[in-house]
């Protein structure tokens, strides 16, 4: 009986980290790690096949493949950049993140909304809040 209990406990312990990795916050943490590295493989795994990425300020909407294709351009633009983020509210299945992008020549402060499905990011919408990150 003790052996059965220990086996079940061990199986649950092994499963817990993978379940925790599917939380909205964990997915967004992976998003920003992949973004700073322009990691196409990570984004390919992280995004649903029908994901939509919207950059409101430049009125750009991309599907998953278009987003993956744009990472080369992003990689060049983001050389030497840092990304800091903090989480806002989770409402109606959308997680808000406030993000400070610090590039060598400029800074941008944004609000980003993420949606999720089946343990992946199904959407990201980014809008500018300003050109400084004071008080971030």
C-alpha atoms as a PDB file:
ATOM      1  CA  UNK A   1       0.000   0.000   0.000  1.00  0.00           C
ATOM      2  CA  UNK A   2       2.820   2.391   0.885  1.00  0.00           C
ATOM      3  CA  UNK A   3       4.537   1.572  -2.410  1.00  0.00           C
ATOM      4  CA  UNK A   4       1.332   2.412  -4.336  1.00  0.00           C
ATOM      5  CA  UNK A   5       0.978   5.716  -2.483  1.00  0.00           C
ATOM      6  CA  UNK A   6       4.608   6.648  -3.187  1.00  0.00           C
ATOM      7  CA  UNK A   7       4.223   5.739  -6.865  1.00  0.00           C
ATOM      8  CA  UNK A   8       1.109   7.903  -7.201  1.00  0.00           C
ATOM      9  CA  UNK A   9       2.794  10.772  -5.335  1.00  0.00           C
ATOM     10  CA  UNK A  10       5.840  10.562  -7.606  1.00  0.00           C
ATOM     11  CA  UNK A  11       3.694  10.540 -10.755  1.00  0.00           C
ATOM     12  CA  UNK A  12       1.772  13.575  -9.537  1.00  0.00           C
ATOM     13  CA  UNK A  13       5.005  15.403  -8.699  1.00  0.00           C
ATOM     14  CA  UNK A  14       6.296  14.764 -12.210  1.00  0.00           C
ATOM     15  CA  UNK A  15       3.059  15.964 -13.768  1.00  0.00           C
ATOM     16  CA  UNK A  16       2.750  19.151 -11.717  1.00  0.00           C
ATOM     17  CA  UNK A  17       5.578  21.104 -13.370  1.00  0.00           C
ATOM     18  CA  UNK A  18       4.141  20.455 -16.818  1.00  0.00           C
ATOM     19  CA  UNK A  19       0.691  21.552 -15.671  1.00  0.00           C
ATOM     20  CA  UNK A  20       2.185  24.679 -14.108  1.00  0.00           C
ATOM     21  CA  UNK A  21       3.953  25.452 -17.386  1.00  0.00           C
ATOM     22  CA  UNK A  22       0.557  25.764 -19.062  1.00  0.00           C
ATOM     23  CA  UNK A  23      -0.641  28.628 -16.868  1.00  0.00           C
ATOM     24  CA  UNK A  24      -1.238  31.940 -18.594  1.00  0.00           C
ATOM     25  CA  UNK A  25       1.606  33.583 -16.691  1.00  0.00           C
ATOM     26  CA  UNK A  26       4.046  30.793 -17.562  1.00  0.00           C
ATOM     27  CA  UNK A  27       3.099  31.011 -21.231  1.00  0.00           C
ATOM     28  CA  UNK A  28       3.684  34.761 -21.256  1.00  0.00           C
ATOM     29  CA  UNK A  29       7.026  34.308 -19.465  1.00  0.00           C
ATOM     30  CA  UNK A  30       7.988  31.945 -22.299  1.00  0.00           C
ATOM     31  CA  UNK A  31       6.738  34.551 -24.818  1.00  0.00           C
ATOM     32  CA  UNK A  32       9.103  37.260 -23.567  1.00  0.00           C
ATOM     33  CA  UNK A  33      12.046  34.865 -23.290  1.00  0.00           C
ATOM     34  CA  UNK A  34      11.421  33.797 -26.889  1.00  0.00           C
ATOM     35  CA  UNK A  35      10.960  37.411 -27.977  1.00  0.00           C
ATOM     36  CA  UNK A  36      14.291  38.647 -26.621  1.00  0.00           C
ATOM     37  CA  UNK A  37      16.013  35.669 -28.302  1.00  0.00           C
ATOM     38  CA  UNK A  38      13.875  35.822 -31.486  1.00  0.00           C
ATOM     39  CA  UNK A  39      13.426  32.080 -30.943  1.00  0.00           C
ATOM     40  CA  UNK A  40      11.353  30.831 -33.865  1.00  0.00           C
ATOM     41  CA  UNK A  41      11.170  27.242 -32.570  1.00  0.00           C
ATOM     42  CA  UNK A  42       9.847  28.419 -29.203  1.00  0.00           C
ATOM     43  CA  UNK A  43       7.201  30.622 -30.839  1.00  0.00           C
ATOM     44  CA  UNK A  44       6.230  27.809 -33.197  1.00  0.00           C
ATOM     45  CA  UNK A  45       5.550  25.640 -30.132  1.00  0.00           C
ATOM     46  CA  UNK A  46       4.013  28.444 -28.079  1.00  0.00           C
ATOM     47  CA  UNK A  47       1.438  29.709 -30.598  1.00  0.00           C
ATOM     48  CA  UNK A  48      -1.729  27.991 -31.764  1.00  0.00           C
ATOM     49  CA  UNK A  49      -1.812  27.396 -35.517  1.00  0.00           C
ATOM     50  CA  UNK A  50      -4.513  30.060 -35.924  1.00  0.00           C
ATOM     51  CA  UNK A  51      -2.887  32.606 -33.586  1.00  0.00           C
ATOM     52  CA  UNK A  52      -3.243  36.302 -34.357  1.00  0.00           C
ATOM     53  CA  UNK A  53      -0.676  38.942 -33.376  1.00  0.00           C
ATOM     54  CA  UNK A  54      -1.838  42.567 -33.533  1.00  0.00           C
ATOM     55  CA  UNK A  55       0.384  45.645 -33.271  1.00  0.00           C
ATOM     56  CA  UNK A  56      -2.190  48.401 -32.869  1.00  0.00           C
ATOM     57  CA  UNK A  57       0.201  51.347 -33.249  1.00  0.00           C
ATOM     58  CA  UNK A  58       1.210  50.376 -36.761  1.00  0.00           C
ATOM     59  CA  UNK A  59      -2.132  48.778 -37.628  1.00  0.00           C
ATOM     60  CA  UNK A  60      -0.534  45.411 -38.326  1.00  0.00           C
ATOM     61  CA  UNK A  61      -2.230  42.049 -37.888  1.00  0.00           C
ATOM     62  CA  UNK A  62      -0.233  38.893 -38.466  1.00  0.00           C
ATOM     63  CA  UNK A  63      -1.062  35.214 -38.452  1.00  0.00           C
ATOM     64  CA  UNK A  64       1.354  32.723 -36.928  1.00  0.00           C
ATOM     65  CA  UNK A  65       3.419  32.196 -40.079  1.00  0.00           C
ATOM     66  CA  UNK A  66       3.688  35.909 -40.821  1.00  0.00           C
ATOM     67  CA  UNK A  67       4.801  36.518 -37.238  1.00  0.00           C
ATOM     68  CA  UNK A  68       7.426  33.768 -37.431  1.00  0.00           C
ATOM     69  CA  UNK A  69       8.657  35.203 -40.740  1.00  0.00           C
ATOM     70  CA  UNK A  70       9.020  38.667 -39.185  1.00  0.00           C
ATOM     71  CA  UNK A  71      11.316  37.489 -36.390  1.00  0.00           C
ATOM     72  CA  UNK A  72      14.444  38.034 -38.517  1.00  0.00           C
ATOM     73  CA  UNK A  73      13.596  41.711 -38.832  1.00  0.00           C
ATOM     74  CA  UNK A  74      12.728  41.866 -35.111  1.00  0.00           C
ATOM     75  CA  UNK A  75      16.048  40.198 -34.225  1.00  0.00           C
ATOM     76  CA  UNK A  76      17.968  42.975 -36.007  1.00  0.00           C
ATOM     77  CA  UNK A  77      15.839  45.740 -34.476  1.00  0.00           C
ATOM     78  CA  UNK A  78      16.110  44.315 -30.963  1.00  0.00           C
ATOM     79  CA  UNK A  79      19.899  43.927 -30.766  1.00  0.00           C
ATOM     80  CA  UNK A  80      20.974  45.250 -27.375  1.00  0.00           C
ATOM     81  CA  UNK A  81      17.383  45.624 -26.160  1.00  0.00           C
ATOM     82  CA  UNK A  82      15.971  44.625 -22.803  1.00  0.00           C
ATOM     83  CA  UNK A  83      12.382  43.682 -22.089  1.00  0.00           C
ATOM     84  CA  UNK A  84      10.821  44.008 -18.660  1.00  0.00           C
ATOM     85  CA  UNK A  85       7.235  43.079 -17.943  1.00  0.00           C
ATOM     86  CA  UNK A  86       4.748  42.818 -15.128  1.00  0.00           C
ATOM     87  CA  UNK A  87       1.355  41.233 -15.075  1.00  0.00           C
ATOM     88  CA  UNK A  88      -1.920  43.059 -14.744  1.00  0.00           C
ATOM     89  CA  UNK A  89      -5.312  41.451 -14.445  1.00  0.00           C
ATOM     90  CA  UNK A  90      -6.621  38.237 -15.908  1.00  0.00           C
ATOM     91  CA  UNK A  91     -10.172  38.957 -17.092  1.00  0.00           C
ATOM     92  CA  UNK A  92     -12.444  37.004 -19.405  1.00  0.00           C
ATOM     93  CA  UNK A  93      -9.584  34.710 -20.437  1.00  0.00           C
ATOM     94  CA  UNK A  94      -7.269  37.611 -21.311  1.00  0.00           C
ATOM     95  CA  UNK A  95      -4.078  38.311 -19.410  1.00  0.00           C
ATOM     96  CA  UNK A  96      -2.757  41.880 -19.443  1.00  0.00           C
ATOM     97  CA  UNK A  97       0.980  42.527 -19.340  1.00  0.00           C
ATOM     98  CA  UNK A  98       2.645  45.925 -19.029  1.00  0.00           C
ATOM     99  CA  UNK A  99       5.936  45.920 -20.881  1.00  0.00           C
ATOM    100  CA  UNK A 100       8.953  48.187 -21.035  1.00  0.00           C
ATOM    101  CA  UNK A 101      11.000  47.736 -24.204  1.00  0.00           C
ATOM    102  CA  UNK A 102      14.360  49.454 -23.893  1.00  0.00           C
ATOM    103  CA  UNK A 103      16.237  49.656 -27.169  1.00  0.00           C
ATOM    104  CA  UNK A 104      19.678  51.281 -27.515  1.00  0.00           C
ATOM    105  CA  UNK A 105      18.104  54.354 -29.149  1.00  0.00           C
ATOM    106  CA  UNK A 106      14.596  54.458 -27.660  1.00  0.00           C
ATOM    107  CA  UNK A 107      12.149  53.181 -25.061  1.00  0.00           C
ATOM    108  CA  UNK A 108       8.555  52.064 -25.480  1.00  0.00           C
ATOM    109  CA  UNK A 109       6.002  51.269 -22.797  1.00  0.00           C
ATOM    110  CA  UNK A 110       3.128  49.011 -23.908  1.00  0.00           C
ATOM    111  CA  UNK A 111       0.046  47.181 -22.726  1.00  0.00           C
ATOM    112  CA  UNK A 112      -0.264  43.714 -24.172  1.00  0.00           C
ATOM    113  CA  UNK A 113      -3.301  41.441 -24.007  1.00  0.00           C
ATOM    114  CA  UNK A 114      -2.862  37.689 -24.404  1.00  0.00           C
ATOM    115  CA  UNK A 115      -5.492  35.056 -25.094  1.00  0.00           C
ATOM    116  CA  UNK A 116      -5.020  31.318 -24.681  1.00  0.00           C
ATOM    117  CA  UNK A 117      -6.360  28.021 -25.908  1.00  0.00           C
ATOM    118  CA  UNK A 118      -5.241  24.443 -25.340  1.00  0.00           C
ATOM    119  CA  UNK A 119      -2.175  25.474 -23.326  1.00  0.00           C
ATOM    120  CA  UNK A 120      -0.896  27.868 -25.987  1.00  0.00           C
ATOM    121  CA  UNK A 121      -1.077  31.549 -26.886  1.00  0.00           C
ATOM    122  CA  UNK A 122      -3.898  32.126 -29.362  1.00  0.00           C
ATOM    123  CA  UNK A 123      -3.585  35.889 -29.566  1.00  0.00           C
ATOM    124  CA  UNK A 124      -1.473  38.883 -28.634  1.00  0.00           C
ATOM    125  CA  UNK A 125      -2.526  42.500 -29.002  1.00  0.00           C
ATOM    126  CA  UNK A 126      -0.021  45.261 -28.270  1.00  0.00           C
ATOM    127  CA  UNK A 127      -0.711  48.969 -27.864  1.00  0.00           C
ATOM    128  CA  UNK A 128       1.608  51.777 -26.837  1.00  0.00           C
ATOM    129  CA  UNK A 129       1.241  53.538 -23.498  1.00  0.00           C
ATOM    130  CA  UNK A 130       4.143  55.923 -23.967  1.00  0.00           C
ATOM    131  CA  UNK A 131       7.774  56.499 -24.777  1.00  0.00           C
ATOM    132  CA  UNK A 132       9.121  56.224 -21.239  1.00  0.00           C
ATOM    133  CA  UNK A 133       8.936  53.562 -18.582  1.00  0.00           C
ATOM    134  CA  UNK A 134       9.119  55.880 -15.583  1.00  0.00           C
ATOM    135  CA  UNK A 135       7.777  54.224 -12.465  1.00  0.00           C
ATOM    136  CA  UNK A 136       7.840  50.830 -14.096  1.00  0.00           C
END
